[in-house]
């Protein structure tokens, strides 16, 4: 089932971190661990600040962090 709608209208800082992670994966970045940590932190920040839902947080963690 397509749940890409859960990625619409994310906070800018979270979208920026996701974009950086995707680019880092493409380029085999040497700081990939840092990029993963940034996405993890941004997802948590957005969730606990009520900027994204729990469903979005779970979806993003699974998609980008494999959790």
PDB file of N, CA and C in Angstrom:
ATOM      1  N   UNK A   1       0.844  -1.188   0.000  1.00  0.00           N
ATOM      2  CA  UNK A   1       0.000   0.000   0.000  1.00  0.00           C
ATOM      3  C   UNK A   1       0.884   1.244   0.000  1.00  0.00           C
ATOM      4  N   UNK A   2       0.576   2.169  -0.868  1.00  0.00           N
ATOM      5  CA  UNK A   2       1.346   3.404  -0.995  1.00  0.00           C
ATOM      6  C   UNK A   2       1.002   4.367   0.134  1.00  0.00           C
ATOM      7  N   UNK A   3       1.992   4.694   0.916  1.00  0.00           N
ATOM      8  CA  UNK A   3       1.787   5.638   2.008  1.00  0.00           C
ATOM      9  C   UNK A   3       2.639   6.890   1.832  1.00  0.00           C
ATOM     10  N   UNK A   4       2.985   7.199   0.591  1.00  0.00           N
ATOM     11  CA  UNK A   4       3.818   8.368   0.329  1.00  0.00           C
ATOM     12  C   UNK A   4       3.149   9.669   0.767  1.00  0.00           C
ATOM     13  N   UNK A   5       1.828   9.638   0.926  1.00  0.00           N
ATOM     14  CA  UNK A   5       1.130  10.827   1.418  1.00  0.00           C
ATOM     15  C   UNK A   5       1.626  11.233   2.811  1.00  0.00           C
ATOM     16  N   UNK A   6       2.254  10.305   3.512  1.00  0.00           N
ATOM     17  CA  UNK A   6       2.774  10.622   4.851  1.00  0.00           C
ATOM     18  C   UNK A   6       4.029  11.493   4.785  1.00  0.00           C
ATOM     19  N   UNK A   7       4.547  11.706   3.581  1.00  0.00           N
ATOM     20  CA  UNK A   7       5.730  12.554   3.409  1.00  0.00           C
ATOM     21  C   UNK A   7       5.388  13.943   2.881  1.00  0.00           C
ATOM     22  N   UNK A   8       4.115  14.267   2.814  1.00  0.00           N
ATOM     23  CA  UNK A   8       3.688  15.563   2.301  1.00  0.00           C
ATOM     24  C   UNK A   8       3.703  16.591   3.433  1.00  0.00           C
ATOM     25  N   UNK A   9       4.186  17.775   3.120  1.00  0.00           N
ATOM     26  CA  UNK A   9       4.187  18.908   4.056  1.00  0.00           C
ATOM     27  C   UNK A   9       4.956  18.637   5.349  1.00  0.00           C
ATOM     28  N   UNK A  10       6.108  17.995   5.230  1.00  0.00           N
ATOM     29  CA  UNK A  10       6.962  17.798   6.394  1.00  0.00           C
ATOM     30  C   UNK A  10       7.615  19.127   6.770  1.00  0.00           C
ATOM     31  N   UNK A  11       7.982  19.301   8.035  1.00  0.00           N
ATOM     32  CA  UNK A  11       8.719  20.508   8.410  1.00  0.00           C
ATOM     33  C   UNK A  11       9.998  20.613   7.569  1.00  0.00           C
ATOM     34  N   UNK A  12      10.369  21.840   7.230  1.00  0.00           N
ATOM     35  CA  UNK A  12      11.512  22.065   6.348  1.00  0.00           C
ATOM     36  C   UNK A  12      12.773  21.394   6.868  1.00  0.00           C
ATOM     37  N   UNK A  13      13.052  21.517   8.160  1.00  0.00           N
ATOM     38  CA  UNK A  13      14.284  20.939   8.705  1.00  0.00           C
ATOM     39  C   UNK A  13      14.308  19.414   8.554  1.00  0.00           C
ATOM     40  N   UNK A  14      13.154  18.785   8.690  1.00  0.00           N
ATOM     41  CA  UNK A  14      13.083  17.337   8.528  1.00  0.00           C
ATOM     42  C   UNK A  14      13.257  16.959   7.059  1.00  0.00           C
ATOM     43  N   UNK A  15      12.600  17.675   6.176  1.00  0.00           N
ATOM     44  CA  UNK A  15      12.745  17.396   4.747  1.00  0.00           C
ATOM     45  C   UNK A  15      14.192  17.612   4.296  1.00  0.00           C
ATOM     46  N   UNK A  16      14.832  18.658   4.802  1.00  0.00           N
ATOM     47  CA  UNK A  16      16.238  18.925   4.459  1.00  0.00           C
ATOM     48  C   UNK A  16      17.137  17.781   4.912  1.00  0.00           C
ATOM     49  N   UNK A  17      16.898  17.267   6.112  1.00  0.00           N
ATOM     50  CA  UNK A  17      17.715  16.158   6.626  1.00  0.00           C
ATOM     51  C   UNK A  17      17.474  14.876   5.825  1.00  0.00           C
ATOM     52  N   UNK A  18      16.233  14.629   5.450  1.00  0.00           N
ATOM     53  CA  UNK A  18      15.928  13.458   4.621  1.00  0.00           C
ATOM     54  C   UNK A  18      16.623  13.590   3.260  1.00  0.00           C
ATOM     55  N   UNK A  19      16.540  14.773   2.671  1.00  0.00           N
ATOM     56  CA  UNK A  19      17.184  14.997   1.376  1.00  0.00           C
ATOM     57  C   UNK A  19      18.693  14.790   1.467  1.00  0.00           C
ATOM     58  N   UNK A  20      19.294  15.269   2.556  1.00  0.00           N
ATOM     59  CA  UNK A  20      20.741  15.097   2.749  1.00  0.00           C
ATOM     60  C   UNK A  20      21.090  13.624   2.909  1.00  0.00           C
ATOM     61  N   UNK A  21      20.260  12.875   3.617  1.00  0.00           N
ATOM     62  CA  UNK A  21      20.494  11.441   3.786  1.00  0.00           C
ATOM     63  C   UNK A  21      20.399  10.719   2.453  1.00  0.00           C
ATOM     64  N   UNK A  22      19.378  11.011   1.686  1.00  0.00           N
ATOM     65  CA  UNK A  22      19.207  10.365   0.381  1.00  0.00           C
ATOM     66  C   UNK A  22      20.417  10.664  -0.506  1.00  0.00           C
ATOM     67  N   UNK A  23      20.869  11.901  -0.514  1.00  0.00           N
ATOM     68  CA  UNK A  23      22.045  12.267  -1.299  1.00  0.00           C
ATOM     69  C   UNK A  23      23.289  11.562  -0.768  1.00  0.00           C
ATOM     70  N   UNK A  24      23.422  11.483   0.546  1.00  0.00           N
ATOM     71  CA  UNK A  24      24.554  10.796   1.153  1.00  0.00           C
ATOM     72  C   UNK A  24      24.602   9.317   0.794  1.00  0.00           C
ATOM     73  N   UNK A  25      23.455   8.700   0.721  1.00  0.00           N
ATOM     74  CA  UNK A  25      23.391   7.292   0.320  1.00  0.00           C
ATOM     75  C   UNK A  25      23.818   7.155  -1.143  1.00  0.00           C
ATOM     76  N   UNK A  26      23.332   8.065  -1.982  1.00  0.00           N
ATOM     77  CA  UNK A  26      23.677   8.017  -3.411  1.00  0.00           C
ATOM     78  C   UNK A  26      25.182   8.177  -3.637  1.00  0.00           C
ATOM     79  N   UNK A  27      25.815   9.034  -2.843  1.00  0.00           N
ATOM     80  CA  UNK A  27      27.233   9.341  -3.047  1.00  0.00           C
ATOM     81  C   UNK A  27      28.150   8.534  -2.135  1.00  0.00           C
ATOM     82  N   UNK A  28      27.571   7.614  -1.372  1.00  0.00           N
ATOM     83  CA  UNK A  28      28.346   6.804  -0.431  1.00  0.00           C
ATOM     84  C   UNK A  28      29.169   7.696   0.508  1.00  0.00           C
ATOM     85  N   UNK A  29      28.492   8.636   1.124  1.00  0.00           N
ATOM     86  CA  UNK A  29      29.117   9.619   1.996  1.00  0.00           C
ATOM     87  C   UNK A  29      29.855   8.964   3.160  1.00  0.00           C
ATOM     88  N   UNK A  30      30.970   9.574   3.528  1.00  0.00           N
ATOM     89  CA  UNK A  30      31.754   9.077   4.663  1.00  0.00           C
ATOM     90  C   UNK A  30      31.119   9.459   6.000  1.00  0.00           C
ATOM     91  N   UNK A  31      30.117  10.334   5.963  1.00  0.00           N
ATOM     92  CA  UNK A  31      29.440  10.763   7.195  1.00  0.00           C
ATOM     93  C   UNK A  31      27.999  10.249   7.241  1.00  0.00           C
ATOM     94  N   UNK A  32      27.770   9.104   6.626  1.00  0.00           N
ATOM     95  CA  UNK A  32      26.428   8.535   6.560  1.00  0.00           C
ATOM     96  C   UNK A  32      25.841   8.311   7.950  1.00  0.00           C
ATOM     97  N   UNK A  33      26.669   7.906   8.891  1.00  0.00           N
ATOM     98  CA  UNK A  33      26.171   7.698  10.256  1.00  0.00           C
ATOM     99  C   UNK A  33      25.642   8.996  10.858  1.00  0.00           C
ATOM    100  N   UNK A  34      26.288  10.099  10.579  1.00  0.00           N
ATOM    101  CA  UNK A  34      25.824  11.396  11.072  1.00  0.00           C
ATOM    102  C   UNK A  34      24.509  11.798  10.408  1.00  0.00           C
ATOM    103  N   UNK A  35      24.391  11.532   9.116  1.00  0.00           N
ATOM    104  CA  UNK A  35      23.165  11.852   8.392  1.00  0.00           C
ATOM    105  C   UNK A  35      21.990  11.039   8.938  1.00  0.00           C
ATOM    106  N   UNK A  36      22.231   9.783   9.228  1.00  0.00           N
ATOM    107  CA  UNK A  36      21.189   8.936   9.830  1.00  0.00           C
ATOM    108  C   UNK A  36      20.775   9.484  11.191  1.00  0.00           C
ATOM    109  N   UNK A  37      21.745   9.887  11.990  1.00  0.00           N
ATOM    110  CA  UNK A  37      21.447  10.457  13.308  1.00  0.00           C
ATOM    111  C   UNK A  37      20.636  11.747  13.189  1.00  0.00           C
ATOM    112  N   UNK A  38      20.955  12.566  12.188  1.00  0.00           N
ATOM    113  CA  UNK A  38      20.210  13.813  11.975  1.00  0.00           C
ATOM    114  C   UNK A  38      18.752  13.531  11.637  1.00  0.00           C
ATOM    115  N   UNK A  39      18.525  12.556  10.771  1.00  0.00           N
ATOM    116  CA  UNK A  39      17.144  12.207  10.408  1.00  0.00           C
ATOM    117  C   UNK A  39      16.408  11.659  11.630  1.00  0.00           C
ATOM    118  N   UNK A  40      17.064  10.793  12.384  1.00  0.00           N
ATOM    119  CA  UNK A  40      16.460  10.242  13.606  1.00  0.00           C
ATOM    120  C   UNK A  40      16.040  11.378  14.546  1.00  0.00           C
ATOM    121  N   UNK A  41      16.948  12.304  14.793  1.00  0.00           N
ATOM    122  CA  UNK A  41      16.663  13.422  15.684  1.00  0.00           C
ATOM    123  C   UNK A  41      15.568  14.332  15.157  1.00  0.00           C
ATOM    124  N   UNK A  42      15.569  14.579  13.869  1.00  0.00           N
ATOM    125  CA  UNK A  42      14.564  15.457  13.281  1.00  0.00           C
ATOM    126  C   UNK A  42      13.181  14.822  13.302  1.00  0.00           C
ATOM    127  N   UNK A  43      13.113  13.523  13.066  1.00  0.00           N
ATOM    128  CA  UNK A  43      11.825  12.830  13.170  1.00  0.00           C
ATOM    129  C   UNK A  43      11.301  12.946  14.595  1.00  0.00           C
ATOM    130  N   UNK A  44      12.152  12.668  15.564  1.00  0.00           N
ATOM    131  CA  UNK A  44      11.721  12.755  16.961  1.00  0.00           C
ATOM    132  C   UNK A  44      11.304  14.166  17.334  1.00  0.00           C
ATOM    133  N   UNK A  45      12.078  15.151  16.908  1.00  0.00           N
ATOM    134  CA  UNK A  45      11.750  16.541  17.209  1.00  0.00           C
ATOM    135  C   UNK A  45      10.408  16.933  16.607  1.00  0.00           C
ATOM    136  N   UNK A  46      10.196  16.570  15.360  1.00  0.00           N
ATOM    137  CA  UNK A  46       8.930  16.903  14.700  1.00  0.00           C
ATOM    138  C   UNK A  46       7.751  16.207  15.362  1.00  0.00           C
ATOM    139  N   UNK A  47       7.959  14.957  15.765  1.00  0.00           N
ATOM    140  CA  UNK A  47       6.878  14.216  16.422  1.00  0.00           C
ATOM    141  C   UNK A  47       6.548  14.817  17.789  1.00  0.00           C
ATOM    142  N   UNK A  48       7.556  15.039  18.613  1.00  0.00           N
ATOM    143  CA  UNK A  48       7.295  15.544  19.962  1.00  0.00           C
ATOM    144  C   UNK A  48       6.892  17.009  19.982  1.00  0.00           C
ATOM    145  N   UNK A  49       7.077  17.698  18.851  1.00  0.00           N
ATOM    146  CA  UNK A  49       6.599  19.080  18.723  1.00  0.00           C
ATOM    147  C   UNK A  49       5.238  19.136  18.036  1.00  0.00           C
ATOM    148  N   UNK A  50       4.630  17.970  17.833  1.00  0.00           N
ATOM    149  CA  UNK A  50       3.321  17.855  17.177  1.00  0.00           C
ATOM    150  C   UNK A  50       3.306  18.429  15.764  1.00  0.00           C
ATOM    151  N   UNK A  51       4.444  18.310  15.056  1.00  0.00           N
ATOM    152  CA  UNK A  51       4.517  18.762  13.667  1.00  0.00           C
ATOM    153  C   UNK A  51       4.234  17.609  12.697  1.00  0.00           C
ATOM    154  N   UNK A  52       4.400  16.378  13.169  1.00  0.00           N
ATOM    155  CA  UNK A  52       4.032  15.192  12.404  1.00  0.00           C
ATOM    156  C   UNK A  52       3.308  14.233  13.347  1.00  0.00           C
ATOM    157  N   UNK A  53       2.558  13.328  12.767  1.00  0.00           N
ATOM    158  CA  UNK A  53       1.808  12.357  13.564  1.00  0.00           C
ATOM    159  C   UNK A  53       2.688  11.153  13.918  1.00  0.00           C
ATOM    160  N   UNK A  54       2.189  10.336  14.825  1.00  0.00           N
ATOM    161  CA  UNK A  54       2.895   9.108  15.172  1.00  0.00           C
ATOM    162  C   UNK A  54       2.991   8.181  13.955  1.00  0.00           C
ATOM    163  N   UNK A  55       1.937   8.143  13.168  1.00  0.00           N
ATOM    164  CA  UNK A  55       1.950   7.319  11.955  1.00  0.00           C
ATOM    165  C   UNK A  55       3.051   7.791  10.994  1.00  0.00           C
ATOM    166  N   UNK A  56       3.181   9.109  10.836  1.00  0.00           N
ATOM    167  CA  UNK A  56       4.241   9.636   9.973  1.00  0.00           C
ATOM    168  C   UNK A  56       5.617   9.283  10.529  1.00  0.00           C
ATOM    169  N   UNK A  57       5.791   9.455  11.830  1.00  0.00           N
ATOM    170  CA  UNK A  57       7.085   9.166  12.447  1.00  0.00           C
ATOM    171  C   UNK A  57       7.474   7.711  12.234  1.00  0.00           C
ATOM    172  N   UNK A  58       6.543   6.810  12.447  1.00  0.00           N
ATOM    173  CA  UNK A  58       6.824   5.384  12.254  1.00  0.00           C
ATOM    174  C   UNK A  58       7.154   5.086  10.795  1.00  0.00           C
ATOM    175  N   UNK A  59       6.390   5.660   9.886  1.00  0.00           N
ATOM    176  CA  UNK A  59       6.625   5.457   8.456  1.00  0.00           C
ATOM    177  C   UNK A  59       8.021   5.957   8.064  1.00  0.00           C
ATOM    178  N   UNK A  60       8.359   7.158   8.495  1.00  0.00           N
ATOM    179  CA  UNK A  60       9.655   7.742   8.139  1.00  0.00           C
ATOM    180  C   UNK A  60      10.810   6.950   8.747  1.00  0.00           C
ATOM    181  N   UNK A  61      10.668   6.524   9.982  1.00  0.00           N
ATOM    182  CA  UNK A  61      11.720   5.704  10.613  1.00  0.00           C
ATOM    183  C   UNK A  61      11.937   4.409   9.842  1.00  0.00           C
ATOM    184  N   UNK A  62      10.843   3.771   9.448  1.00  0.00           N
ATOM    185  CA  UNK A  62      10.959   2.517   8.714  1.00  0.00           C
ATOM    186  C   UNK A  62      11.576   2.752   7.335  1.00  0.00           C
ATOM    187  N   UNK A  63      11.098   3.760   6.635  1.00  0.00           N
ATOM    188  CA  UNK A  63      11.556   4.004   5.270  1.00  0.00           C
ATOM    189  C   UNK A  63      13.018   4.446   5.219  1.00  0.00           C
ATOM    190  N   UNK A  64      13.404   5.375   6.065  1.00  0.00           N
ATOM    191  CA  UNK A  64      14.726   5.986   5.958  1.00  0.00           C
ATOM    192  C   UNK A  64      15.760   5.394   6.920  1.00  0.00           C
ATOM    193  N   UNK A  65      15.305   4.826   8.019  1.00  0.00           N
ATOM    194  CA  UNK A  65      16.244   4.313   9.008  1.00  0.00           C
ATOM    195  C   UNK A  65      16.196   2.792   9.140  1.00  0.00           C
ATOM    196  N   UNK A  66      15.202   2.185   8.499  1.00  0.00           N
ATOM    197  CA  UNK A  66      15.088   0.733   8.558  1.00  0.00           C
ATOM    198  C   UNK A  66      14.634   0.216   9.898  1.00  0.00           C
ATOM    199  N   UNK A  67      13.991   1.084  10.663  1.00  0.00           N
ATOM    200  CA  UNK A  67      13.558   0.725  12.014  1.00  0.00           C
ATOM    201  C   UNK A  67      12.067   0.454  12.024  1.00  0.00           C
TER     202      UNK A  67
END
